[in-house]
Protein backbone atom coordinates (compact mmCIF):
# COMPACT_ATOMS: atom_id res chain seq x y z
CA MET A 1 3.61 9.60 2.06
CA ARG A 2 5.22 6.65 1.37
CA VAL A 3 4.35 4.05 -1.73
CA CYS A 4 5.26 0.27 -1.23
CA ARG A 5 5.60 -2.05 -3.27
CA LYS A 6 4.31 -5.53 -3.43
CA THR A 7 5.88 -8.41 -5.59
CA ALA A 8 3.45 -10.75 -6.69
CA LEU A 9 3.94 -14.57 -5.96
CA SER A 10 3.45 -18.12 -8.18
CA SER A 11 0.17 -19.78 -7.74
CA THR A 12 1.98 -22.87 -8.41
CA PRO A 13 2.23 -24.21 -4.87
CA PRO A 14 6.60 -24.43 -4.60
CA ARG A 15 8.02 -27.98 -4.36
CA SER A 16 8.86 -29.67 -0.33
CA GLY A 17 11.38 -27.48 0.29
CA ALA A 18 11.69 -24.85 -2.23
CA THR A 19 10.99 -20.76 -1.49
CA PRO A 20 7.37 -19.65 -3.94
CA ARG A 21 9.03 -18.53 -6.95
CA ARG A 22 7.99 -14.47 -7.56
CA THR A 23 7.25 -14.13 -11.19
CA ARG A 24 6.14 -11.10 -12.81
CA SER A 25 2.69 -12.13 -15.36
CA ARG A 26 3.24 -8.78 -17.15
CA ARG A 27 4.97 -5.45 -16.83
CA LEU A 28 5.26 -3.44 -13.78
CA PRO A 29 4.19 -0.05 -14.67
CA ARG A 30 7.34 2.33 -14.03
CA ILE A 31 6.33 3.67 -10.65
CA GLU A 32 6.89 -0.20 -8.94
CA GLN A 33 10.19 -1.05 -10.91
CA VAL A 34 11.54 -0.45 -7.50
CA LYS A 35 13.91 -2.18 -5.60
CA GLU A 36 13.85 -0.52 -2.26
CA LEU A 37 10.73 -1.66 -0.48
CA ALA A 38 9.40 1.91 0.13
CA VAL A 39 9.48 4.92 -1.96
CA GLU A 40 8.86 9.33 -0.83
CA ILE A 41 6.67 10.97 -3.33
CA SER A 42 5.17 14.60 -3.03
CA PRO A 43 2.41 15.65 -2.96
CA GLU A 44 3.03 16.57 -7.63
CA GLN A 45 3.71 13.27 -7.03
CA ILE A 46 1.20 11.15 -5.82
CA ASP A 47 -1.48 10.99 -8.95
CA LYS A 48 1.81 7.64 -9.39
CA ALA A 49 0.43 6.33 -6.72
CA ASP A 50 -2.59 5.24 -7.56
CA ALA A 51 -3.96 1.75 -7.86
CA ASP A 52 -7.62 -0.20 -6.59
CA TRP A 53 -6.75 -0.03 -3.47
CA VAL A 54 -4.81 2.94 -1.52
CA PHE A 55 -3.89 2.26 1.88
CA TYR A 56 -1.93 5.54 3.30
CA GLY A 57 -0.10 6.68 6.83
CA VAL A 58 2.54 9.06 7.70
CA TYR A 59 5.25 8.14 9.96
CA GLY A 60 5.21 10.64 13.14
CA THR A 61 1.90 13.19 13.30
CA PRO A 62 -0.02 14.32 10.58
CA SER A 63 0.44 17.97 11.26
CA SER A 64 4.32 17.21 11.43
CA THR A 65 4.03 15.63 7.31
CA ASN A 66 2.31 16.84 4.54
CA GLN A 67 -0.69 14.48 4.39
CA ASP A 68 -3.27 17.22 4.84
CA ALA A 69 -1.31 19.05 1.57
CA VAL A 70 -1.93 15.94 -0.15
CA LEU A 71 -4.76 14.72 1.05
CA ASP A 72 -6.43 18.33 0.22
CA GLY A 73 -4.45 18.68 -2.85
CA PRO A 74 -6.49 17.94 -6.21
CA LEU A 75 -4.00 15.10 -7.53
CA TRP A 76 -5.11 13.22 -4.15
CA LYS A 77 -9.00 13.48 -5.27
CA THR A 78 -8.52 12.02 -8.90
CA LEU A 79 -7.51 9.18 -8.05
CA GLY A 80 -8.84 6.28 -8.83
CA ALA A 81 -8.65 4.44 -5.46
CA VAL A 82 -10.36 7.84 -3.68
CA THR A 83 -13.29 8.32 -6.15
CA SER A 84 -14.11 4.61 -5.77
CA GLY A 85 -14.00 4.99 -2.20
CA GLN A 86 -11.19 3.21 -1.60
CA ALA A 87 -8.41 4.83 -0.38
CA ARG A 88 -7.89 4.01 3.74
CA PRO A 89 -5.95 5.76 6.38
CA VAL A 90 -3.76 2.90 8.32
CA SER A 91 -2.14 2.96 11.22
CA ASP A 92 1.60 3.26 9.96
CA GLU A 93 2.80 1.38 13.75
CA THR A 94 0.96 -1.35 12.60
CA TRP A 95 0.89 -1.34 8.54
CA PHE A 96 4.33 -0.29 7.90
CA LEU A 97 6.60 -0.61 11.81
CA GLY A 98 4.87 -3.43 13.18
CA LEU A 99 6.22 -6.99 13.17
CA GLY A 100 5.94 -9.90 14.09
CA VAL A 101 2.16 -12.26 13.93
CA THR A 102 0.69 -9.25 16.18
CA ALA A 103 0.77 -6.71 13.83
CA ALA A 104 0.30 -9.16 10.37
CA ASN A 105 -2.90 -10.71 11.96
CA ALA A 106 -4.11 -6.61 12.71
CA VAL A 107 -3.55 -5.91 9.03
CA LEU A 108 -5.14 -8.99 8.20
CA ALA A 109 -8.67 -7.96 10.12
CA ASP A 110 -7.83 -4.97 9.13
CA LEU A 111 -7.91 -5.50 5.18
CA LYS A 112 -10.95 -7.83 6.01
CA ASN A 113 -13.09 -5.18 7.00
CA PHE A 114 -12.10 -2.43 4.42
CA VAL A 115 -12.08 -4.94 1.74
CA ALA A 116 -15.23 -7.58 2.84
CA PRO A 117 -16.45 -6.29 5.40
CA GLY A 118 -19.22 -8.27 7.06
CA ALA A 119 -17.74 -11.54 5.61
């Protein structure tokens, strides 16, 4: 499985022509302290990827990966997002490989349907 990190941006609007400042209002958990966009996590470490929401996908077909081993494994079932019903499969082609406005809009539509259905 692949875990992508997120970067918090300041809520203060940037000065005209300036780029948003990256801020860290809290110390990131060790699992998020990476320089890469994504890190590979083995089934034995999947509990390190816990969050309020988990969106997961695989590169390639699920049968050619260890997705089933992860989803059927004991650690997956203990994740907070899984126990609260907030773990969702997503399209790797759109969410992780998709580039451009069309893919971004598809991800936003998915998020709206997952997080705020009916809104």
